[in-house]
Amino acid sequence: MLLAFDTSSPTVTVAVHDGTDVVAELVSDAAMRHGEQLMPLVRDALAQAGLAPRDVTAVAVGAGPGPFTGLRVGLVTARTLGHALSIPVYGACSLDVLAVEAVATGTVGAVGAVGAVGGAFLVATDARRREVYLASYDERGTRLEGPTVSRPADAASTGPVVGEGAALYPDHYPDGRQPLRPSAGWLARAVAGEHVELIDPEPLYLRRPDAEIPRAPKPVS
């Protein structure tokens, strides 16, 4: 049984995969409360699947990129569960998971037409500070470049763009596509099927955290 969760976006998403497909998936109903909501969602998702924590055989976690605080909550929790249950923990780039879902399920374009991502595309998510996290993919959802952090105007595209970044900056990404935020269900499918690169459960930070430990003052000469 694979427990998967992603905390790289404003909402928390948790899923359970039984080796065949997702059997439970939950999303938080409030944004920016990762620390309060992750473990209750884990508990509820396991209960929905009829499982106890001891039944989990592996953990998958979204490694971002994303805001420092949210990523820290998810990754620390994943490593803690892995240690407590003596099970492996797999990380995956959250943008890669969005790409896998977009290729597998089709998307809704800016004008409402339904269709799959038929060629190369971008994934852009909200990096705050009027910036986006960005990566490019081929038609199979294989990452070609990135992830990077950029101002939308510096990385504008008229091609298909998956993710919340396109919804936030439609002037720069007019062909916005779903999904908007990472899904733990698709994280679980991607990791179980090895459709994404499996990485260490370490955060993909693309810039320094907003909150830093103050440095010691320089000595007065």
Protein backbone atom coordinates (compact mmCIF):
# COMPACT_ATOMS: atom_id res chain seq x y z
CA MET A 1 0.00 0.00 0.00
CA LEU A 2 1.43 3.35 -1.10
CA LEU A 3 0.58 6.50 0.85
CA ALA A 4 1.10 9.66 -1.19
CA PHE A 5 0.80 13.35 -0.37
CA ASP A 6 1.81 16.70 -1.79
CA THR A 7 2.12 19.99 0.09
CA SER A 8 3.78 22.09 -2.62
CA SER A 9 0.63 24.13 -3.39
CA PRO A 10 -1.68 26.13 -1.09
CA THR A 11 -3.80 23.00 -0.51
CA VAL A 12 -2.84 19.60 0.91
CA THR A 13 -3.66 16.47 -1.08
CA VAL A 14 -3.40 12.87 0.20
CA ALA A 15 -4.08 9.53 -1.50
CA VAL A 16 -3.75 5.78 -0.99
CA HIS A 17 -2.79 3.42 -3.84
CA ASP A 18 -3.33 -0.35 -3.45
CA GLY A 19 -0.92 -1.43 -6.18
CA THR A 20 -3.61 -1.36 -8.86
CA ASP A 21 -5.08 2.13 -8.55
CA VAL A 22 -6.00 4.88 -6.11
CA VAL A 23 -8.52 3.72 -3.49
CA ALA A 24 -8.79 6.97 -1.51
CA GLU A 25 -7.99 10.61 -2.21
CA LEU A 26 -8.66 13.71 -0.13
CA VAL A 27 -7.91 17.43 -0.56
CA SER A 28 -7.86 20.03 2.20
CA ASP A 29 -10.77 22.44 2.34
CA ALA A 30 -8.66 25.41 3.46
CA ALA A 31 -5.49 26.88 2.03
CA MET A 32 -2.16 27.57 3.73
CA ARG A 33 -2.75 25.31 6.76
CA HIS A 34 -0.44 22.45 5.84
CA GLY A 35 0.77 21.68 9.35
CA GLU A 36 -2.76 21.48 10.76
CA GLN A 37 -4.29 19.47 7.96
CA LEU A 38 -1.77 16.94 6.66
CA MET A 39 -1.88 14.27 9.37
CA PRO A 40 -5.70 14.41 9.82
CA LEU A 41 -6.03 13.93 6.05
CA VAL A 42 -3.58 11.01 6.19
CA ARG A 43 -5.62 9.44 8.96
CA ASP A 44 -8.90 9.96 7.11
CA ALA A 45 -7.55 8.65 3.79
CA LEU A 46 -6.25 5.48 5.46
CA ALA A 47 -9.58 5.01 7.25
CA GLN A 48 -11.46 5.50 3.98
CA ALA A 49 -9.33 2.74 2.45
CA GLY A 50 -9.87 0.51 5.50
CA LEU A 51 -6.21 0.61 6.48
CA ALA A 52 -4.07 1.28 9.52
CA PRO A 53 -0.68 3.02 9.40
CA ARG A 54 1.05 -0.35 9.78
CA ASP A 55 -0.48 -1.45 6.44
CA VAL A 56 1.44 1.23 4.52
CA THR A 57 4.43 -0.24 2.67
CA ALA A 58 5.84 2.93 1.04
CA VAL A 59 5.40 6.70 1.04
CA ALA A 60 5.48 9.05 -1.97
CA VAL A 61 5.83 12.79 -1.45
CA GLY A 62 5.82 15.79 -3.74
CA ALA A 63 9.21 17.49 -3.53
CA GLY A 64 8.11 20.74 -5.15
CA PRO A 65 9.21 23.24 -6.19
CA GLY A 66 7.00 25.18 -3.84
CA PRO A 67 6.97 27.54 -0.86
CA PHE A 68 9.42 26.67 1.89
CA THR A 69 6.94 26.13 4.72
CA GLY A 70 4.53 23.88 2.85
CA LEU A 71 7.27 21.70 1.39
CA ARG A 72 8.94 21.34 4.77
CA VAL A 73 5.72 20.04 6.35
CA GLY A 74 5.23 17.38 3.70
CA LEU A 75 8.82 16.22 3.44
CA VAL A 76 9.48 16.08 7.18
CA THR A 77 6.25 14.13 7.65
CA ALA A 78 7.18 11.70 4.87
CA ARG A 79 10.63 11.05 6.32
CA THR A 80 9.19 10.66 9.82
CA LEU A 81 6.63 8.10 8.64
CA GLY A 82 9.28 6.25 6.69
CA HIS A 83 11.52 6.04 9.74
CA ALA A 84 8.72 5.08 12.14
CA LEU A 85 7.32 2.37 9.86
CA SER A 86 10.70 1.26 8.41
CA ILE A 87 9.43 1.72 4.83
CA PRO A 88 10.89 3.46 1.77
CA VAL A 89 10.08 7.09 0.95
CA TYR A 90 10.09 8.30 -2.65
CA GLY A 91 10.17 11.91 -3.74
CA ALA A 92 8.95 13.26 -7.08
CA CYS A 93 8.99 16.67 -8.70
CA SER A 94 5.47 18.07 -8.36
CA LEU A 95 5.63 19.65 -11.82
CA ASP A 96 6.36 16.21 -13.31
CA VAL A 97 3.22 14.84 -11.66
CA LEU A 98 1.13 17.62 -13.21
CA ALA A 99 2.63 16.74 -16.59
CA VAL A 100 1.80 13.05 -16.21
CA GLU A 101 -1.81 13.84 -15.32
CA ALA A 102 -2.17 16.29 -18.21
CA VAL A 103 -0.95 13.74 -20.75
CA ALA A 104 -3.01 10.90 -19.30
CA THR A 105 -6.35 12.64 -18.84
CA GLY A 106 -6.64 15.44 -21.37
CA THR A 107 -7.23 19.06 -20.43
CA VAL A 108 -9.64 21.93 -20.68
CA GLY A 109 -8.32 24.80 -22.75
CA ALA A 110 -8.87 28.50 -22.20
CA VAL A 111 -11.96 28.53 -24.44
CA GLY A 112 -13.43 25.44 -22.81
CA ALA A 113 -12.60 22.87 -25.50
CA VAL A 114 -11.65 19.45 -24.22
CA GLY A 115 -8.57 17.72 -25.61
CA ALA A 116 -5.31 16.05 -24.65
CA VAL A 117 -1.97 17.82 -24.63
CA GLY A 118 -1.01 16.85 -28.16
CA GLY A 119 2.57 18.06 -28.28
CA ALA A 120 5.21 19.80 -26.23
CA PHE A 121 3.93 21.94 -23.36
CA LEU A 122 4.89 23.84 -20.23
CA VAL A 123 3.93 23.39 -16.61
CA ALA A 124 3.75 26.62 -14.60
CA THR A 125 2.77 26.85 -10.93
CA ASP A 126 2.48 29.77 -8.54
CA ALA A 127 5.83 30.78 -7.02
CA ARG A 128 4.38 33.92 -5.38
CA ARG A 129 6.19 37.27 -5.67
CA ARG A 130 4.60 37.55 -9.16
CA GLU A 131 6.70 34.62 -10.36
CA VAL A 132 6.09 31.06 -11.55
CA TYR A 133 7.86 27.73 -11.23
CA LEU A 134 8.31 26.51 -14.78
CA ALA A 135 9.38 23.36 -16.65
CA SER A 136 8.99 22.17 -20.24
CA TYR A 137 7.84 18.71 -21.38
CA ASP A 138 7.53 16.68 -24.54
CA GLU A 139 4.28 15.11 -25.75
CA ARG A 140 4.84 12.07 -23.50
CA GLY A 141 5.23 14.18 -20.36
CA THR A 142 8.99 13.75 -20.13
CA ARG A 143 10.70 16.81 -18.70
CA LEU A 144 12.99 18.59 -21.15
CA GLU A 145 14.11 21.63 -19.14
CA GLY A 146 13.64 23.06 -15.67
CA PRO A 147 12.32 23.48 -13.15
CA THR A 148 13.20 27.15 -12.87
CA VAL A 149 11.64 30.20 -11.26
CA SER A 150 10.82 33.12 -13.55
CA ARG A 151 8.67 36.16 -14.04
CA PRO A 152 5.78 35.29 -16.38
CA ALA A 153 6.71 38.09 -18.78
CA ASP A 154 10.21 36.64 -19.14
CA ALA A 155 8.92 33.16 -19.97
CA ALA A 156 5.69 33.90 -21.82
CA SER A 157 4.26 31.26 -24.16
CA THR A 158 1.34 30.97 -26.56
CA GLY A 159 1.49 27.17 -26.41
CA PRO A 160 -0.29 24.89 -23.93
CA VAL A 161 0.56 25.62 -20.30
CA VAL A 162 -0.60 23.30 -17.53
CA GLY A 163 -0.93 24.50 -13.96
CA GLU A 164 -2.07 27.39 -11.81
CA GLY A 165 0.53 29.75 -13.24
CA ALA A 166 -1.41 30.02 -16.48
CA ALA A 167 -4.65 30.74 -14.62
CA LEU A 168 -2.94 33.50 -12.63
CA TYR A 169 -1.20 35.10 -15.63
CA PRO A 170 -3.46 34.58 -18.66
CA ASP A 171 -1.94 37.53 -20.52
CA HIS A 172 1.36 35.66 -20.66
CA TYR A 173 -0.10 32.14 -20.92
CA PRO A 174 -3.32 32.40 -22.95
CA ASP A 175 -3.64 28.63 -23.56
CA GLY A 176 -4.02 27.53 -19.95
CA ARG A 177 -4.76 23.88 -19.29
CA GLN A 178 -5.79 21.74 -16.34
CA PRO A 179 -4.84 20.30 -13.92
CA LEU A 180 -4.07 23.40 -11.88
CA ARG A 181 -2.55 21.89 -8.73
CA PRO A 182 -0.76 18.60 -8.00
CA SER A 183 -2.94 15.61 -7.14
CA ALA A 184 -1.80 13.02 -4.62
CA GLY A 185 -3.74 10.43 -6.60
CA TRP A 186 -1.67 11.15 -9.69
CA LEU A 187 1.49 11.32 -7.60
CA ALA A 188 0.69 7.80 -6.39
CA ARG A 189 -0.02 6.56 -9.94
CA ALA A 190 3.13 8.19 -11.29
CA VAL A 191 5.36 6.72 -8.58
CA ALA A 192 3.72 3.27 -8.61
CA GLY A 193 4.05 3.09 -12.39
CA GLU A 194 7.50 4.74 -12.42
CA HIS A 195 6.24 7.39 -14.83
CA VAL A 196 8.36 10.05 -13.11
CA GLU A 197 11.93 10.20 -11.93
CA LEU A 198 12.09 9.02 -8.32
CA ILE A 199 14.26 11.29 -6.22
CA ASP A 200 15.30 11.60 -2.61
CA PRO A 201 12.65 13.18 -0.36
CA GLU A 202 14.46 16.50 -0.29
CA PRO A 203 12.89 19.87 -1.15
CA LEU A 204 13.33 21.36 -4.60
CA TYR A 205 13.90 24.93 -3.45
CA LEU A 206 14.62 27.29 -6.32
CA ARG A 207 15.29 30.31 -4.15
CA ARG A 208 16.08 31.10 -0.56
CA PRO A 209 13.32 30.80 2.06
CA ASP A 210 11.35 33.94 2.92
CA ALA A 211 12.22 33.46 6.59
CA GLU A 212 15.89 33.11 7.42
CA ILE A 213 17.83 32.87 10.67
CA PRO A 214 19.36 36.28 11.36
CA ARG A 215 23.09 36.39 10.93
CA ALA A 216 25.36 37.44 13.75
CA PRO A 217 26.21 41.12 13.60
CA LYS A 218 29.59 42.00 12.17
CA PRO A 219 32.16 43.06 14.76
CA VAL A 220 32.73 46.74 15.03
CA SER A 221 36.26 47.54 13.91
